[in-house]
Amino acid sequence: MPITLAVDFGSTYTKVVAIDCDDEVLIGVAQSPTTVGDGVMVGLDRALLRLEERSGVKRGDIAVRVASSSAAGGLRMVAIGLVPDLTAEAARRAALGAGAKVLRAFAYELSRRDLEEIARIQPDIILLSGGTDGGERKTILKNAAALASARPKAPIVVAGNRAAEDEVEAILCGAGLEYTIVENVLPELDRLNVEPARAAIRAIFMNRITHAKGLDRAEAFVGRIAMPTPMAVLEGARLLSTGGGACGMGDLVVVDVGGATTDVHSIGSGAPSTPGLVPRGLPEPFAKRTVEGDLGIRVNAPTIVETAGAERVMGALEGRLQRDALLARVRQLAAEVDRVPRDDLDHDLDAALATIAIDAALERHAGRVSTVYTPMGAVQLLHGKDLSAAASVIGTGGVFAYGRNPRRILEAACYDPHSPTSLRPRDPRLLVDRRYIFFAVGLLAPVAPRAAANVMRCHLAEAEDRSGVV
């Protein structure tokens, strides 16, 4: 029985998933804390040992290996563009779609303070864009010169005005900087072209970042790291939506709640679902991802409480924790990122934090409606992606695989009458990734799409609240 092994070197846990692609069967899953400091093979060996103990899969049974990673925080990027709502936004979307965490998006000409902030952030990659093809070119040239003077260590992906390519290349090459030039992310005002930039970001991840994070030590076993974990989840969502050669699930939203971030992936056109709603701004991508770096339920647990207000969290816990005790608990979660719930109160606190994180993440990800008044009367404008008609919302992450109350948590992703202008899913089917295998589906999408999609569909469960020991 030839087995395909999917490995994810996560920021907290290293996960392994064994699948028989011929029979389209999930053989087993296991995980162990990621050991970046001691070498990632230590954690991987422990996860493989647990896989063998639970399912009998030995290393000699594995025929194909694929891997993703977000270990040590994944890809840290800054995006630079011409104006905030055009090329800077296009650059940000390209970065997010490639699985990167965009720390800052800069617009217009870089100032001294901007360069100082980039130096402080120390990104893994810089995405430099600006101007449509044949359009404004002064800004991207100025910004290339500013980067040349600052000499950042990060490689630069240039995805701007094609008419300025040669001059930008001469500036960066003359400064001895590492760079890659790809097609413009915004060749025309109404046309996005983010795939070339995404491919370049992914290539840099595979060729450079895996070594910087120490993952090259694991490549002898797993082969080259195929993609960042968030990109694997996005590709898995795309595969489920379209079907991988079979019947797909249609428009859907995947919410990935992690310890450091909460990611939202939406698949579908996002076109207006009601007559008379007029799209405004850049066209939305069919496969869209946003990452909220302040909404993780471990590293950023204190930030969630601070943002939402301690009273809201205490209310969700029905007064079982007072303010000081709550603040002490979330500080403990931030310090012990691999901590798992030990009692009912721990589970309920995780559920409360995840609910708030999803509510805030969807508020940022989903499109909004605004009304403007013209001589012809009121006009409703759509800003962003209309998710109202999404057929399914899927939850993935430890809080869904091992926690409680998944339905209550996922309901936070749906339409809220208290926020009527937010175009969240109105009546979706709520599902959970009970075996925590979503990343594996994305990794297998290029090599075994039908098997990956069918295995994932078999292991999606209706979101149902439950209590007691899991």
Protein backbone atom coordinates (compact mmCIF):
# COMPACT_ATOMS: atom_id res chain seq x y z
CA MET A 1 0.00 0.00 0.00
CA PRO A 2 1.91 3.13 -1.19
CA ILE A 3 1.37 6.01 1.21
CA THR A 4 1.74 9.74 0.69
CA LEU A 5 2.93 11.68 3.74
CA ALA A 6 2.08 15.36 4.15
CA VAL A 7 4.14 17.23 6.75
CA ASP A 8 3.57 20.68 8.18
CA PHE A 9 6.26 22.35 10.26
CA GLY A 10 3.99 24.72 12.16
CA SER A 11 4.96 27.53 14.47
CA THR A 12 3.81 25.44 17.43
CA TYR A 13 3.31 21.86 16.24
CA THR A 14 4.75 19.62 13.53
CA LYS A 15 1.88 17.68 11.99
CA VAL A 16 1.99 14.56 9.79
CA VAL A 17 -0.85 13.15 7.70
CA ALA A 18 -0.67 9.78 5.93
CA ILE A 19 -3.01 9.19 2.96
CA ASP A 20 -3.46 6.27 0.58
CA CYS A 21 -4.09 8.21 -2.63
CA ASP A 22 -4.94 5.09 -4.66
CA ASP A 23 -7.83 4.10 -2.39
CA GLU A 24 -8.47 7.72 -1.33
CA VAL A 25 -8.30 6.85 2.36
CA LEU A 26 -6.86 8.74 5.34
CA ILE A 27 -4.51 6.33 7.12
CA GLY A 28 -3.51 8.37 10.13
CA VAL A 29 -2.52 11.70 11.68
CA ALA A 30 -0.13 12.69 14.45
CA GLN A 31 1.67 15.73 15.79
CA SER A 32 4.43 16.82 18.14
CA PRO A 33 5.74 20.23 19.27
CA THR A 34 7.94 21.88 16.64
CA THR A 35 11.59 21.98 17.72
CA VAL A 36 13.18 24.86 15.80
CA GLY A 37 15.81 25.45 18.47
CA ASP A 38 16.90 21.78 18.67
CA GLY A 39 16.47 21.13 14.94
CA VAL A 40 13.13 20.45 13.31
CA MET A 41 13.94 16.76 12.73
CA VAL A 42 13.58 16.15 16.48
CA GLY A 43 9.92 17.16 16.44
CA LEU A 44 9.33 15.41 13.11
CA ASP A 45 10.83 12.14 14.40
CA ARG A 46 8.52 12.29 17.43
CA ALA A 47 5.49 12.91 15.23
CA LEU A 48 6.43 10.00 12.94
CA LEU A 49 6.85 7.72 15.95
CA ARG A 50 3.37 8.64 17.17
CA LEU A 51 1.99 8.06 13.65
CA GLU A 52 3.50 4.56 13.66
CA GLU A 53 2.13 3.82 17.13
CA ARG A 54 -1.39 4.94 16.18
CA SER A 55 -1.75 3.69 12.60
CA GLY A 56 1.14 1.31 11.93
CA VAL A 57 2.67 3.49 9.21
CA LYS A 58 6.44 3.01 9.05
CA ARG A 59 8.92 5.17 7.18
CA GLY A 60 9.50 2.39 4.68
CA ASP A 61 5.78 2.48 3.76
CA ILE A 62 5.99 6.09 2.59
CA ALA A 63 6.28 6.51 -1.17
CA VAL A 64 5.70 10.26 -1.58
CA ARG A 65 6.49 13.10 0.80
CA VAL A 66 5.30 16.73 0.61
CA ALA A 67 5.78 19.48 3.16
CA SER A 68 4.75 22.98 4.14
CA SER A 69 5.94 25.27 6.89
CA SER A 70 5.11 28.26 9.00
CA ALA A 71 7.81 27.43 11.56
CA ALA A 72 9.39 30.43 13.28
CA GLY A 73 6.61 32.69 12.06
CA GLY A 74 6.54 31.94 8.33
CA LEU A 75 7.21 34.64 5.75
CA ARG A 76 7.47 38.20 7.05
CA MET A 77 6.96 40.76 4.29
CA VAL A 78 6.56 44.42 3.56
CA ALA A 79 4.76 45.62 0.43
CA ILE A 80 5.55 48.93 -1.29
CA GLY A 81 3.33 50.57 -3.89
CA LEU A 82 2.26 53.86 -5.44
CA VAL A 83 -1.09 54.69 -3.81
CA PRO A 84 -2.81 52.85 -0.96
CA ASP A 85 -5.96 51.71 -2.75
CA LEU A 86 -4.29 50.64 -6.01
CA THR A 87 -0.76 49.31 -6.37
CA ALA A 88 -0.04 49.09 -2.64
CA GLU A 89 -3.25 47.09 -2.18
CA ALA A 90 -2.42 44.92 -5.22
CA ALA A 91 1.01 44.19 -3.75
CA ARG A 92 -0.54 43.32 -0.38
CA ARG A 93 -2.94 40.86 -2.01
CA ALA A 94 -0.13 39.18 -3.91
CA ALA A 95 1.83 38.76 -0.68
CA LEU A 96 -1.11 37.40 1.30
CA GLY A 97 -2.07 34.96 -1.45
CA ALA A 98 1.46 33.55 -1.39
CA GLY A 99 1.19 32.74 2.30
CA ALA A 100 3.11 35.70 3.64
CA LYS A 101 2.36 37.78 6.70
CA VAL A 102 2.35 41.40 5.55
CA LEU A 103 3.78 43.46 8.37
CA ARG A 104 3.37 46.83 6.64
CA ALA A 105 2.21 48.21 3.30
CA PHE A 106 3.88 51.47 2.29
CA ALA A 107 2.55 53.89 -0.34
CA TYR A 108 4.00 56.89 -2.19
CA GLU A 109 7.72 57.69 -1.90
CA LEU A 110 9.52 56.02 1.01
CA SER A 111 10.52 58.47 3.73
CA ARG A 112 13.47 58.21 6.09
CA ARG A 113 11.08 57.02 8.80
CA ASP A 114 9.71 54.36 6.43
CA LEU A 115 13.20 53.04 5.77
CA GLU A 116 13.95 53.02 9.49
CA GLU A 117 10.77 51.02 10.11
CA ILE A 118 11.70 48.51 7.40
CA ALA A 119 15.10 48.11 9.05
CA ARG A 120 13.43 47.59 12.42
CA ILE A 121 10.94 45.04 11.04
CA GLN A 122 13.68 43.06 9.25
CA PRO A 123 11.32 41.39 6.74
CA ASP A 124 12.15 38.15 4.96
CA ILE A 125 11.00 39.57 1.60
CA ILE A 126 10.21 43.03 0.19
CA LEU A 127 7.64 43.39 -2.59
CA LEU A 128 8.24 46.56 -4.63
CA SER A 129 5.50 47.72 -6.97
CA GLY A 130 4.23 51.00 -8.38
CA GLY A 131 2.49 52.37 -11.46
CA THR A 132 0.54 50.70 -14.24
CA ASP A 133 2.46 49.57 -17.33
CA GLY A 134 3.48 52.70 -19.22
CA GLY A 135 2.10 54.95 -16.48
CA GLU A 136 3.69 56.80 -13.57
CA ARG A 137 7.28 55.66 -13.09
CA LYS A 138 8.97 58.24 -10.86
CA THR A 139 7.78 56.71 -7.57
CA ILE A 140 9.05 53.17 -8.16
CA LEU A 141 12.42 54.55 -9.28
CA LYS A 142 12.65 56.76 -6.17
CA ASN A 143 11.73 53.82 -3.95
CA ALA A 144 14.25 51.54 -5.66
CA ALA A 145 16.94 54.16 -5.03
CA ALA A 146 15.85 54.49 -1.39
CA LEU A 147 16.11 50.73 -0.89
CA ALA A 148 19.50 50.73 -2.60
CA SER A 149 20.76 53.30 -0.13
CA ALA A 150 19.29 51.42 2.84
CA ARG A 151 20.71 48.06 1.64
CA PRO A 152 18.16 45.72 3.24
CA LYS A 153 19.20 42.10 3.65
CA ALA A 154 15.86 40.79 2.38
CA PRO A 155 15.46 39.80 -1.28
CA ILE A 156 13.28 42.18 -3.31
CA VAL A 157 10.52 41.10 -5.69
CA VAL A 158 9.90 43.86 -8.25
CA ALA A 159 6.38 43.80 -9.71
CA GLY A 160 5.74 47.31 -11.00
CA ASN A 161 5.57 49.47 -14.11
CA ARG A 162 7.12 47.50 -16.97
CA ALA A 163 8.49 50.70 -18.51
CA ALA A 164 10.69 51.23 -15.43
CA GLU A 165 12.03 47.67 -15.14
CA ASP A 166 15.46 48.29 -16.70
CA GLU A 167 16.17 51.33 -14.55
CA VAL A 168 14.98 49.62 -11.37
CA GLU A 169 17.19 46.63 -12.18
CA ALA A 170 20.21 48.88 -12.75
CA ILE A 171 19.63 50.60 -9.38
CA LEU A 172 19.24 47.38 -7.38
CA CYS A 173 22.02 45.55 -9.19
CA GLY A 174 24.37 48.49 -8.70
CA ALA A 175 23.75 48.32 -4.94
CA GLY A 176 24.46 44.59 -4.86
CA LEU A 177 20.93 43.73 -3.68
CA GLU A 178 19.21 40.41 -4.32
CA TYR A 179 16.16 40.93 -6.53
CA THR A 180 13.71 39.21 -8.89
CA ILE A 181 11.71 41.04 -11.55
CA VAL A 182 8.25 39.74 -12.49
CA GLU A 183 5.19 41.07 -14.29
CA ASN A 184 3.34 44.07 -12.87
CA VAL A 185 0.79 43.28 -10.15
CA LEU A 186 -1.42 46.05 -11.60
CA PRO A 187 -0.72 46.33 -15.35
CA GLU A 188 -3.95 48.31 -15.87
CA LEU A 189 -6.12 50.23 -13.42
CA ASP A 190 -8.89 47.64 -13.52
CA ARG A 191 -6.82 44.46 -13.89
CA LEU A 192 -4.92 42.58 -11.20
CA ASN A 193 -2.06 40.25 -12.12
CA VAL A 194 -0.81 38.84 -8.83
CA GLU A 195 0.14 35.27 -9.80
CA PRO A 196 3.68 36.05 -11.11
CA ALA A 197 4.52 37.86 -7.86
CA ARG A 198 3.04 35.02 -5.81
CA ALA A 199 5.15 32.48 -7.72
CA ALA A 200 8.31 34.53 -7.09
CA ILE A 201 7.54 34.81 -3.37
CA ARG A 202 6.96 31.08 -3.19
CA ALA A 203 10.27 30.38 -4.98
CA ILE A 204 12.17 32.61 -2.56
CA PHE A 205 10.50 30.81 0.34
CA MET A 206 11.63 27.42 -0.97
CA ASN A 207 15.16 28.50 -1.91
CA ARG A 208 16.08 30.78 0.96
CA ILE A 209 13.68 31.01 3.87
CA THR A 210 13.63 27.27 4.59
CA HIS A 211 17.39 27.45 5.15
CA ALA A 212 17.12 30.56 7.32
CA LYS A 213 14.61 28.75 9.56
CA GLY A 214 16.72 25.59 9.76
CA LEU A 215 14.27 23.53 7.71
CA ASP A 216 16.99 22.46 5.29
CA ARG A 217 17.91 19.79 7.86
CA ALA A 218 14.58 18.08 7.21
CA GLU A 219 14.77 18.24 3.41
CA ALA A 220 16.76 15.01 3.21
CA PHE A 221 13.60 13.27 4.42
CA VAL A 222 10.67 15.36 3.15
CA GLY A 223 12.26 16.83 0.03
CA ARG A 224 11.99 20.52 -0.73
CA ILE A 225 9.44 22.49 1.30
CA ALA A 226 6.66 23.01 -1.24
CA MET A 227 4.93 26.10 0.14
CA PRO A 228 4.12 28.14 3.24
CA THR A 229 1.35 26.63 5.36
CA PRO A 230 -1.18 29.42 4.69
CA MET A 231 -0.73 28.92 0.96
CA ALA A 232 -1.37 25.19 1.40
CA VAL A 233 -4.63 25.98 3.22
CA LEU A 234 -5.64 28.42 0.46
CA GLU A 235 -4.94 25.80 -2.22
CA GLY A 236 -6.93 23.26 -0.22
CA ALA A 237 -9.87 25.66 -0.06
CA ARG A 238 -9.64 26.28 -3.80
CA LEU A 239 -9.59 22.52 -4.47
CA LEU A 240 -12.66 21.87 -2.31
CA SER A 241 -14.54 24.70 -3.98
CA THR A 242 -13.82 23.61 -7.55
CA GLY A 243 -13.83 19.85 -6.93
CA GLY A 244 -10.49 18.67 -8.33
CA GLY A 245 -12.13 17.00 -11.30
CA ALA A 246 -15.27 16.05 -9.36
CA CYS A 247 -18.22 18.03 -8.08
CA GLY A 248 -17.03 20.96 -5.98
CA MET A 249 -18.62 22.58 -2.95
CA GLY A 250 -19.04 25.97 -4.62
CA ASP A 251 -18.29 29.30 -2.95
CA LEU A 252 -16.91 28.80 0.54
CA VAL A 253 -15.03 30.44 3.39
CA VAL A 254 -12.30 28.73 5.44
CA VAL A 255 -11.39 30.16 8.83
CA ASP A 256 -8.03 29.04 10.21
CA VAL A 257 -7.63 29.95 13.89
CA GLY A 258 -4.05 29.64 15.08
CA GLY A 259 -1.93 30.57 18.04
CA ALA A 260 -0.38 33.62 16.37
CA THR A 261 -2.87 34.61 13.65
CA THR A 262 -6.39 34.05 12.39
CA ASP A 263 -6.49 33.56 8.62
CA VAL A 264 -9.58 33.81 6.42
CA HIS A 265 -9.69 32.23 2.95
CA SER A 266 -12.65 32.90 0.65
CA ILE A 267 -13.20 31.15 -2.67
CA GLY A 268 -15.66 32.61 -5.19
CA SER A 269 -16.16 35.59 -7.45
CA GLY A 270 -17.41 37.85 -4.67
CA ALA A 271 -19.63 39.62 -7.17
CA PRO A 272 -22.65 41.57 -5.88
CA SER A 273 -25.36 39.18 -4.72
CA THR A 274 -28.15 41.76 -4.85
CA PRO A 275 -29.32 43.91 -7.78
CA GLY A 276 -28.18 47.51 -7.81
CA LEU A 277 -25.03 46.96 -5.75
CA VAL A 278 -22.15 48.63 -7.62
CA PRO A 279 -18.58 47.30 -7.13
CA ARG A 280 -15.97 49.90 -6.31
CA GLY A 281 -12.16 49.61 -6.16
CA LEU A 282 -9.89 46.83 -7.35
CA PRO A 283 -11.48 43.59 -8.57
CA GLU A 284 -11.50 40.90 -5.91
CA PRO A 285 -9.48 37.69 -6.45
CA PHE A 286 -11.35 34.40 -6.83
CA ALA A 287 -9.15 32.91 -4.10
CA LYS A 288 -8.57 35.53 -1.40
CA ARG A 289 -6.70 35.29 1.87
CA THR A 290 -6.28 37.73 4.71
CA VAL A 291 -4.16 37.22 7.80
CA GLU A 292 -4.83 38.97 11.08
CA GLY A 293 -1.57 39.03 12.99
CA ASP A 294 -3.17 40.42 16.14
CA LEU A 295 -5.81 37.71 16.55
CA GLY A 296 -4.00 34.49 17.51
CA ILE A 297 -5.48 32.72 20.54
CA ARG A 298 -2.10 32.02 22.15
CA VAL A 299 0.57 34.58 21.24
CA ASN A 300 -2.03 37.33 20.89
CA ALA A 301 -4.54 36.26 23.54
CA PRO A 302 -3.86 39.43 25.59
CA THR A 303 -4.32 41.55 22.46
CA ILE A 304 -7.72 39.97 21.78
CA VAL A 305 -8.86 40.80 25.30
CA GLU A 306 -7.51 44.33 25.03
CA THR A 307 -9.16 44.89 21.63
CA ALA A 308 -12.54 43.38 22.49
CA GLY A 309 -12.63 44.51 26.08
CA ALA A 310 -12.28 42.30 29.15
CA GLU A 311 -16.01 42.69 29.86
CA ARG A 312 -16.92 40.94 26.61
CA VAL A 313 -14.71 37.95 27.41
CA MET A 314 -15.89 37.81 31.01
CA GLY A 315 -19.48 37.86 29.75
CA ALA A 316 -18.79 34.90 27.45
CA LEU A 317 -17.41 33.04 30.46
CA GLU A 318 -20.52 33.92 32.50
CA GLY A 319 -18.49 35.63 35.20
CA ARG A 320 -16.32 32.63 36.09
CA LEU A 321 -13.21 34.80 35.71
CA GLN A 322 -12.87 38.31 37.05
CA ARG A 323 -10.69 40.86 35.29
CA ASP A 324 -7.40 40.22 37.11
CA ALA A 325 -7.74 36.45 36.84
CA LEU A 326 -8.64 36.73 33.13
CA LEU A 327 -5.65 38.92 32.37
CA ALA A 328 -3.38 36.49 34.22
CA ARG A 329 -4.77 33.58 32.21
CA VAL A 330 -4.26 35.20 28.81
CA ARG A 331 -0.74 36.27 29.75
CA GLN A 332 -0.06 32.63 30.59
CA LEU A 333 -1.42 31.54 27.18
CA ALA A 334 0.90 34.01 25.45
CA ALA A 335 3.89 32.69 27.39
CA GLU A 336 3.01 28.98 26.94
CA VAL A 337 1.99 28.81 23.28
CA ASP A 338 1.81 25.01 23.27
CA ARG A 339 -0.55 24.93 26.27
CA VAL A 340 -3.64 22.75 25.73
CA PRO A 341 -6.94 23.10 27.64
CA ARG A 342 -7.00 21.14 30.89
CA ASP A 343 -10.52 21.77 32.18
CA ASP A 344 -13.90 23.20 31.21
CA LEU A 345 -12.83 26.76 31.92
CA ASP A 346 -9.77 26.42 29.66
CA HIS A 347 -11.96 25.10 26.84
CA ASP A 348 -14.49 27.87 27.28
CA LEU A 349 -11.78 30.55 27.32
CA ASP A 350 -10.36 29.17 24.06
CA ALA A 351 -13.85 29.24 22.55
CA ALA A 352 -14.41 32.82 23.68
CA LEU A 353 -11.08 34.00 22.27
CA ALA A 354 -11.65 32.13 18.99
CA THR A 355 -15.16 33.56 18.63
CA ILE A 356 -13.90 37.11 19.06
CA ALA A 357 -10.97 36.47 16.70
CA ILE A 358 -13.25 35.12 13.96
CA ASP A 359 -15.74 37.96 14.39
CA ALA A 360 -13.00 40.54 13.96
CA ALA A 361 -11.26 38.66 11.13
CA LEU A 362 -14.46 38.34 9.08
CA GLU A 363 -15.30 41.97 9.70
CA ARG A 364 -11.99 42.83 8.04
CA HIS A 365 -12.11 40.20 5.28
CA ALA A 366 -15.69 40.52 4.02
CA GLY A 367 -16.85 43.32 1.76
CA ARG A 368 -18.98 46.20 2.96
CA VAL A 369 -21.83 48.26 1.59
CA SER A 370 -21.87 52.04 1.67
CA THR A 371 -24.46 54.48 0.37
CA VAL A 372 -23.64 57.59 -1.63
CA TYR A 373 -26.12 60.18 -2.81
CA THR A 374 -26.03 61.44 -6.38
CA PRO A 375 -28.32 63.73 -8.42
CA MET A 376 -29.98 60.49 -9.61
CA GLY A 377 -30.64 59.30 -6.06
CA ALA A 378 -28.98 56.95 -3.59
CA VAL A 379 -26.45 54.42 -4.90
CA GLN A 380 -25.17 51.45 -2.91
CA LEU A 381 -21.48 50.68 -3.37
CA LEU A 382 -19.72 47.35 -2.73
CA HIS A 383 -16.25 47.68 -1.25
CA GLY A 384 -14.48 44.32 -1.28
CA LYS A 385 -15.85 40.82 -1.67
CA ASP A 386 -19.52 39.93 -1.25
CA LEU A 387 -19.61 36.67 0.75
CA SER A 388 -23.36 36.72 1.38
CA ALA A 389 -24.09 33.72 -0.83
CA ALA A 390 -21.17 31.50 0.32
CA ALA A 391 -22.52 27.97 0.65
CA SER A 392 -20.16 26.77 3.40
CA VAL A 393 -17.99 28.06 6.22
CA ILE A 394 -15.28 25.63 7.33
CA GLY A 395 -13.28 25.89 10.54
CA THR A 396 -9.75 24.50 10.77
CA GLY A 397 -7.17 24.65 13.54
CA GLY A 398 -6.67 23.09 16.94
CA VAL A 399 -9.68 24.81 18.49
CA PHE A 400 -11.92 22.92 16.02
CA ALA A 401 -10.06 19.61 15.98
CA TYR A 402 -9.62 19.28 19.74
CA GLY A 403 -11.82 21.91 21.35
CA ARG A 404 -15.52 22.27 22.10
CA ASN A 405 -18.40 24.41 20.90
CA PRO A 406 -17.26 24.62 17.23
CA ARG A 407 -20.71 25.66 16.01
CA ARG A 408 -20.94 28.59 18.40
CA ILE A 409 -17.43 29.66 17.35
CA LEU A 410 -18.14 29.40 13.61
CA GLU A 411 -21.39 31.31 13.88
CA ALA A 412 -19.20 34.37 14.51
CA ALA A 413 -18.23 34.22 10.82
CA CYS A 414 -21.82 34.68 9.67
CA TYR A 415 -24.00 37.71 9.03
CA ASP A 416 -24.60 39.80 12.14
CA PRO A 417 -27.61 42.14 12.21
CA HIS A 418 -25.60 44.39 14.52
CA SER A 419 -23.21 44.97 11.59
CA PRO A 420 -25.66 45.14 8.67
CA THR A 421 -23.22 46.62 6.15
CA SER A 422 -20.79 43.68 6.45
CA LEU A 423 -21.39 41.14 3.66
CA ARG A 424 -20.65 37.94 5.57
CA PRO A 425 -22.21 34.56 4.69
CA ARG A 426 -25.94 34.69 5.45
CA ASP A 427 -27.00 31.06 5.59
CA PRO A 428 -23.97 28.79 5.14
CA ARG A 429 -23.46 25.20 6.11
CA LEU A 430 -21.06 25.15 9.08
CA LEU A 431 -18.35 22.45 8.91
CA VAL A 432 -15.15 21.63 10.80
CA ASP A 433 -11.88 19.96 9.86
CA ARG A 434 -12.07 17.38 12.64
CA ARG A 435 -8.77 15.64 11.78
CA TYR A 436 -6.78 18.87 11.23
CA ILE A 437 -5.73 17.85 7.69
CA PHE A 438 -6.60 20.93 5.62
CA PHE A 439 -2.97 21.78 4.91
CA ALA A 440 -2.43 18.26 3.53
CA VAL A 441 -5.23 18.73 1.01
CA GLY A 442 -3.51 21.81 -0.38
CA LEU A 443 -0.14 20.08 -0.52
CA LEU A 444 -1.64 17.14 -2.42
CA ALA A 445 -3.68 19.32 -4.79
CA PRO A 446 -0.93 19.48 -7.48
CA VAL A 447 -0.15 15.73 -7.40
CA ALA A 448 -3.40 13.95 -6.43
CA PRO A 449 -6.29 16.46 -6.56
CA ARG A 450 -9.18 14.00 -6.69
CA ALA A 451 -7.87 11.89 -3.82
CA ALA A 452 -7.12 14.98 -1.74
CA ALA A 453 -10.57 16.47 -2.29
CA ASN A 454 -12.39 13.21 -1.57
CA VAL A 455 -10.41 12.54 1.63
CA MET A 456 -11.12 16.06 2.87
CA ARG A 457 -14.83 15.79 2.14
CA CYS A 458 -14.98 12.50 4.07
CA HIS A 459 -13.47 14.15 7.12
CA LEU A 460 -15.47 17.36 7.24
CA ALA A 461 -18.02 17.18 10.04
CA GLU A 462 -21.07 19.27 10.76
CA ALA A 463 -20.21 21.82 13.40
CA GLU A 464 -21.95 20.72 16.59
CA ASP A 465 -21.42 22.02 20.09
CA ARG A 466 -20.40 19.40 22.59
CA SER A 467 -19.24 19.19 26.20
CA GLY A 468 -17.19 16.91 28.38
CA VAL A 469 -13.84 15.30 27.66
CA VAL A 470 -12.77 15.35 23.99
